[in-house]
Amino acid sequence: MSPVLVLVGPPGAGKSTVADLLAARLGVGVRDTDRDIEDETGQTVADIFVDHGEGHFRALEHEAVARAVSEHRGVLALGGGAVLDERTRRLLVGQHVVFLDVSVTEAASRVGMGQARPVLLGNVRSRLRSLLDERRPVYAEVAVATVPTDGLSPEQVAEAVVATLPVEQRG
């Protein structure tokens, strides 16, 4: 067995918020790999980046995704950079992965100044543009569906994601 669905996308796409709504709508549990890492280490993602570096965090992230994909049967939200690891992308083959796409403008307004998002330190809009340029093709590669989120409420995004599921899984 595997998760009902997996959400991927950049910071500010709404993965965690939408995952919670989807889990409630579908009557399943929710899991967020960033939260898993924070619970396991007792540190925030930002603190892990500062104290141990991005490489250490990405190793923890891959392990968290591997555990979640094998153990979790509900809605799974991945950290924005999880798909950069080829091993993680292989874990997503055969999963119902939905890419929550967001524009730079919308993402910037959602994440604010990015203090809790270490990959966005500095010029948030510029970093988001770079991240989206780098990651958008990878998100699209692993996804079976893409849901644009600009101008939509989290509830509307959740409904659009549900519509990507096979009819028998829509709850």
C-alpha atoms as a PDB file:
ATOM      1  CA  MET A   1       0.000   0.000   0.000  1.00  0.00           C
ATOM      2  CA  SER A   2       1.002   3.604  -0.413  1.00  0.00           C
ATOM      3  CA  PRO A   3      -0.304   7.127   0.223  1.00  0.00           C
ATOM      4  CA  VAL A   4      -3.639   8.080  -1.337  1.00  0.00           C
ATOM      5  CA  LEU A   5      -1.814  11.037  -2.838  1.00  0.00           C
ATOM      6  CA  VAL A   6       1.416  12.974  -2.549  1.00  0.00           C
ATOM      7  CA  LEU A   7       1.648  16.754  -2.859  1.00  0.00           C
ATOM      8  CA  VAL A   8       4.755  18.424  -4.285  1.00  0.00           C
ATOM      9  CA  GLY A   9       5.521  22.015  -5.133  1.00  0.00           C
ATOM     10  CA  PRO A  10       7.610  25.034  -4.193  1.00  0.00           C
ATOM     11  CA  PRO A  11       7.463  27.034  -0.971  1.00  0.00           C
ATOM     12  CA  GLY A  12       4.232  28.990  -0.898  1.00  0.00           C
ATOM     13  CA  ALA A  13       2.235  26.538  -3.017  1.00  0.00           C
ATOM     14  CA  GLY A  14       0.104  25.571  -0.007  1.00  0.00           C
ATOM     15  CA  LYS A  15       1.139  21.924   0.336  1.00  0.00           C
ATOM     16  CA  SER A  16       0.721  21.665   4.115  1.00  0.00           C
ATOM     17  CA  THR A  17      -2.528  23.617   4.263  1.00  0.00           C
ATOM     18  CA  VAL A  18      -4.074  21.742   1.354  1.00  0.00           C
ATOM     19  CA  ALA A  19      -2.853  18.378   2.708  1.00  0.00           C
ATOM     20  CA  ASP A  20      -4.748  18.989   5.960  1.00  0.00           C
ATOM     21  CA  LEU A  21      -7.934  19.864   4.037  1.00  0.00           C
ATOM     22  CA  LEU A  22      -7.577  16.844   1.755  1.00  0.00           C
ATOM     23  CA  ALA A  23      -7.074  14.455   4.647  1.00  0.00           C
ATOM     24  CA  ALA A  24     -10.249  15.733   6.318  1.00  0.00           C
ATOM     25  CA  ARG A  25     -12.191  15.571   3.032  1.00  0.00           C
ATOM     26  CA  LEU A  26     -11.019  12.040   2.230  1.00  0.00           C
ATOM     27  CA  GLY A  27     -11.223  10.731   5.792  1.00  0.00           C
ATOM     28  CA  VAL A  28      -7.552   9.716   5.943  1.00  0.00           C
ATOM     29  CA  GLY A  29      -4.494  10.772   7.905  1.00  0.00           C
ATOM     30  CA  VAL A  30      -2.061  13.463   6.864  1.00  0.00           C
ATOM     31  CA  ARG A  31       1.705  13.479   6.993  1.00  0.00           C
ATOM     32  CA  ASP A  32       4.187  16.225   6.160  1.00  0.00           C
ATOM     33  CA  THR A  33       7.825  15.222   5.760  1.00  0.00           C
ATOM     34  CA  ASP A  34       9.112  18.576   7.040  1.00  0.00           C
ATOM     35  CA  ARG A  35       7.066  18.059  10.221  1.00  0.00           C
ATOM     36  CA  ASP A  36       8.387  14.480  10.472  1.00  0.00           C
ATOM     37  CA  ILE A  37      11.971  15.761  10.327  1.00  0.00           C
ATOM     38  CA  GLU A  38      11.292  18.437  12.924  1.00  0.00           C
ATOM     39  CA  ASP A  39       9.627  15.927  15.253  1.00  0.00           C
ATOM     40  CA  GLU A  40      12.468  13.432  14.824  1.00  0.00           C
ATOM     41  CA  THR A  41      15.336  15.894  15.300  1.00  0.00           C
ATOM     42  CA  GLY A  42      13.743  18.335  17.731  1.00  0.00           C
ATOM     43  CA  GLN A  43      14.913  21.175  15.461  1.00  0.00           C
ATOM     44  CA  THR A  44      13.140  23.348  12.932  1.00  0.00           C
ATOM     45  CA  VAL A  45      14.033  22.920   9.282  1.00  0.00           C
ATOM     46  CA  ALA A  46      15.622  26.378   9.384  1.00  0.00           C
ATOM     47  CA  ASP A  47      17.798  25.410  12.364  1.00  0.00           C
ATOM     48  CA  ILE A  48      18.906  22.192  10.657  1.00  0.00           C
ATOM     49  CA  PHE A  49      20.005  24.219   7.613  1.00  0.00           C
ATOM     50  CA  VAL A  50      21.955  26.654   9.798  1.00  0.00           C
ATOM     51  CA  ASP A  51      23.468  24.092  12.195  1.00  0.00           C
ATOM     52  CA  HIS A  52      24.184  21.220   9.802  1.00  0.00           C
ATOM     53  CA  GLY A  53      23.834  22.520   6.235  1.00  0.00           C
ATOM     54  CA  GLU A  54      21.531  21.773   3.343  1.00  0.00           C
ATOM     55  CA  GLY A  55      23.259  18.472   2.488  1.00  0.00           C
ATOM     56  CA  HIS A  56      22.502  17.052   5.937  1.00  0.00           C
ATOM     57  CA  PHE A  57      18.905  18.237   5.711  1.00  0.00           C
ATOM     58  CA  ARG A  58      18.444  16.671   2.252  1.00  0.00           C
ATOM     59  CA  ALA A  59      19.712  13.316   3.584  1.00  0.00           C
ATOM     60  CA  LEU A  60      17.192  13.487   6.448  1.00  0.00           C
ATOM     61  CA  GLU A  61      14.522  14.497   3.951  1.00  0.00           C
ATOM     62  CA  HIS A  62      15.137  11.508   1.696  1.00  0.00           C
ATOM     63  CA  GLU A  63      14.918   9.153   4.681  1.00  0.00           C
ATOM     64  CA  ALA A  64      11.689  10.832   5.828  1.00  0.00           C
ATOM     65  CA  VAL A  65      10.119  10.480   2.377  1.00  0.00           C
ATOM     66  CA  ALA A  66      11.176   6.826   2.128  1.00  0.00           C
ATOM     67  CA  ARG A  67       9.567   6.063   5.504  1.00  0.00           C
ATOM     68  CA  ALA A  68       6.407   8.010   4.730  1.00  0.00           C
ATOM     69  CA  VAL A  69       5.890   6.428   1.304  1.00  0.00           C
ATOM     70  CA  SER A  70       6.236   2.942   2.788  1.00  0.00           C
ATOM     71  CA  GLU A  71       4.206   3.542   5.978  1.00  0.00           C
ATOM     72  CA  HIS A  72       1.583   6.206   5.314  1.00  0.00           C
ATOM     73  CA  ARG A  73      -1.780   5.482   3.726  1.00  0.00           C
ATOM     74  CA  GLY A  74      -3.231   8.995   3.667  1.00  0.00           C
ATOM     75  CA  VAL A  75      -2.245  12.359   2.216  1.00  0.00           C
ATOM     76  CA  LEU A  76       1.479  13.074   2.131  1.00  0.00           C
ATOM     77  CA  ALA A  77       3.005  16.544   1.679  1.00  0.00           C
ATOM     78  CA  LEU A  78       6.682  16.695   0.712  1.00  0.00           C
ATOM     79  CA  GLY A  79       9.079  19.531   1.411  1.00  0.00           C
ATOM     80  CA  GLY A  80       9.651  21.776  -1.594  1.00  0.00           C
ATOM     81  CA  GLY A  81      13.137  20.434  -2.371  1.00  0.00           C
ATOM     82  CA  ALA A  82      12.482  16.729  -1.767  1.00  0.00           C
ATOM     83  CA  VAL A  83      12.129  15.971  -5.477  1.00  0.00           C
ATOM     84  CA  LEU A  84      15.648  17.212  -6.201  1.00  0.00           C
ATOM     85  CA  ASP A  85      17.040  13.881  -4.958  1.00  0.00           C
ATOM     86  CA  GLU A  86      16.911  11.272  -7.726  1.00  0.00           C
ATOM     87  CA  ARG A  87      16.387   8.506  -5.138  1.00  0.00           C
ATOM     88  CA  THR A  88      13.330  10.339  -3.851  1.00  0.00           C
ATOM     89  CA  ARG A  89      11.977  10.762  -7.382  1.00  0.00           C
ATOM     90  CA  ARG A  90      12.287   6.986  -7.845  1.00  0.00           C
ATOM     91  CA  LEU A  91      10.216   6.476  -4.664  1.00  0.00           C
ATOM     92  CA  LEU A  92       7.437   8.532  -6.244  1.00  0.00           C
ATOM     93  CA  VAL A  93       7.106   6.379  -9.370  1.00  0.00           C
ATOM     94  CA  GLY A  94       3.652   4.808  -9.316  1.00  0.00           C
ATOM     95  CA  GLN A  95       2.333   7.217  -6.666  1.00  0.00           C
ATOM     96  CA  HIS A  96      -0.521   9.644  -7.271  1.00  0.00           C
ATOM     97  CA  VAL A  97       1.651  12.780  -7.142  1.00  0.00           C
ATOM     98  CA  VAL A  98       0.018  16.176  -7.614  1.00  0.00           C
ATOM     99  CA  PHE A  99       2.120  19.260  -8.338  1.00  0.00           C
ATOM    100  CA  LEU A 100       0.680  22.396  -6.733  1.00  0.00           C
ATOM    101  CA  ASP A 101       1.930  25.065  -9.099  1.00  0.00           C
ATOM    102  CA  VAL A 102       2.190  28.696  -8.048  1.00  0.00           C
ATOM    103  CA  SER A 103       3.523  31.873  -9.643  1.00  0.00           C
ATOM    104  CA  VAL A 104       6.462  33.760  -8.171  1.00  0.00           C
ATOM    105  CA  THR A 105       4.196  36.694  -7.278  1.00  0.00           C
ATOM    106  CA  GLU A 106       1.645  34.544  -5.462  1.00  0.00           C
ATOM    107  CA  ALA A 107       4.301  32.449  -3.686  1.00  0.00           C
ATOM    108  CA  ALA A 108       6.128  35.574  -2.516  1.00  0.00           C
ATOM    109  CA  SER A 109       2.943  37.014  -1.042  1.00  0.00           C
ATOM    110  CA  ARG A 110       2.255  33.720   0.772  1.00  0.00           C
ATOM    111  CA  VAL A 111       5.716  33.131   2.262  1.00  0.00           C
ATOM    112  CA  GLY A 112       6.402  36.725   3.317  1.00  0.00           C
ATOM    113  CA  MET A 113      10.050  37.367   4.065  1.00  0.00           C
ATOM    114  CA  GLY A 114      10.909  33.672   4.364  1.00  0.00           C
ATOM    115  CA  GLN A 115      12.498  33.638   7.830  1.00  0.00           C
ATOM    116  CA  ALA A 116      11.309  30.081   8.450  1.00  0.00           C
ATOM    117  CA  ARG A 117      12.284  29.027   4.925  1.00  0.00           C
ATOM    118  CA  PRO A 118      16.058  28.854   4.729  1.00  0.00           C
ATOM    119  CA  VAL A 119      16.201  28.273   0.970  1.00  0.00           C
ATOM    120  CA  LEU A 120      14.572  31.691   0.532  1.00  0.00           C
ATOM    121  CA  LEU A 121      16.973  33.767   2.620  1.00  0.00           C
ATOM    122  CA  GLY A 122      17.970  36.973   0.892  1.00  0.00           C
ATOM    123  CA  ASN A 123      15.803  38.399  -1.871  1.00  0.00           C
ATOM    124  CA  VAL A 124      12.697  36.218  -1.509  1.00  0.00           C
ATOM    125  CA  ARG A 125      11.232  37.005  -4.933  1.00  0.00           C
ATOM    126  CA  SER A 126      14.544  36.401  -6.707  1.00  0.00           C
ATOM    127  CA  ARG A 127      15.138  33.134  -4.802  1.00  0.00           C
ATOM    128  CA  LEU A 128      11.606  31.962  -5.592  1.00  0.00           C
ATOM    129  CA  ARG A 129      12.090  32.713  -9.286  1.00  0.00           C
ATOM    130  CA  SER A 130      15.332  30.688  -9.288  1.00  0.00           C
ATOM    131  CA  LEU A 131      13.737  27.820  -7.362  1.00  0.00           C
ATOM    132  CA  LEU A 132      10.745  27.704  -9.675  1.00  0.00           C
ATOM    133  CA  ASP A 133      12.914  27.815 -12.793  1.00  0.00           C
ATOM    134  CA  GLU A 134      15.054  24.971 -11.433  1.00  0.00           C
ATOM    135  CA  ARG A 135      12.336  22.832  -9.881  1.00  0.00           C
ATOM    136  CA  ARG A 136       9.214  23.282 -12.037  1.00  0.00           C
ATOM    137  CA  PRO A 137      10.376  20.696 -14.639  1.00  0.00           C
ATOM    138  CA  VAL A 138      11.182  18.210 -11.855  1.00  0.00           C
ATOM    139  CA  TYR A 139       7.810  18.720 -10.162  1.00  0.00           C
ATOM    140  CA  ALA A 140       6.094  18.201 -13.509  1.00  0.00           C
ATOM    141  CA  GLU A 141       8.191  15.082 -14.182  1.00  0.00           C
ATOM    142  CA  VAL A 142       7.106  13.312 -10.972  1.00  0.00           C
ATOM    143  CA  ALA A 143       3.475  14.442 -11.046  1.00  0.00           C
ATOM    144  CA  VAL A 144       0.515  12.701 -12.600  1.00  0.00           C
ATOM    145  CA  ALA A 145      -1.449  15.969 -12.360  1.00  0.00           C
ATOM    146  CA  THR A 146      -0.739  19.670 -11.960  1.00  0.00           C
ATOM    147  CA  VAL A 147      -3.087  22.011 -10.108  1.00  0.00           C
ATOM    148  CA  PRO A 148      -2.455  25.762 -10.568  1.00  0.00           C
ATOM    149  CA  THR A 149      -3.103  27.474  -7.226  1.00  0.00           C
ATOM    150  CA  ASP A 150      -2.963  31.188  -8.084  1.00  0.00           C
ATOM    151  CA  GLY A 151      -6.106  33.044  -7.072  1.00  0.00           C
ATOM    152  CA  LEU A 152      -7.665  29.956  -5.475  1.00  0.00           C
ATOM    153  CA  SER A 153      -8.544  29.412  -1.837  1.00  0.00           C
ATOM    154  CA  PRO A 154      -7.032  26.363  -0.132  1.00  0.00           C
ATOM    155  CA  GLU A 155     -10.481  24.748  -0.274  1.00  0.00           C
ATOM    156  CA  GLN A 156     -10.689  25.298  -4.036  1.00  0.00           C
ATOM    157  CA  VAL A 157      -7.205  23.837  -4.491  1.00  0.00           C
ATOM    158  CA  ALA A 158      -8.192  20.812  -2.404  1.00  0.00           C
ATOM    159  CA  GLU A 159     -11.263  20.242  -4.573  1.00  0.00           C
ATOM    160  CA  ALA A 160      -9.151  20.492  -7.725  1.00  0.00           C
ATOM    161  CA  VAL A 161      -6.746  17.903  -6.283  1.00  0.00           C
ATOM    162  CA  VAL A 162      -9.611  15.566  -5.382  1.00  0.00           C
ATOM    163  CA  ALA A 163     -10.799  15.811  -8.990  1.00  0.00           C
ATOM    164  CA  THR A 164      -7.455  14.297 -10.099  1.00  0.00           C
ATOM    165  CA  LEU A 165      -8.105  11.114  -8.101  1.00  0.00           C
ATOM    166  CA  PRO A 166      -9.792   8.042  -9.542  1.00  0.00           C
ATOM    167  CA  VAL A 167     -13.534   8.269  -8.857  1.00  0.00           C
ATOM    168  CA  GLU A 168     -13.481   5.421  -6.328  1.00  0.00           C
ATOM    169  CA  GLN A 169     -10.934   7.278  -4.153  1.00  0.00           C
ATOM    170  CA  ARG A 170     -12.693  10.648  -4.013  1.00  0.00           C
ATOM    171  CA  GLY A 171     -14.561   9.916  -0.771  1.00  0.00           C
END
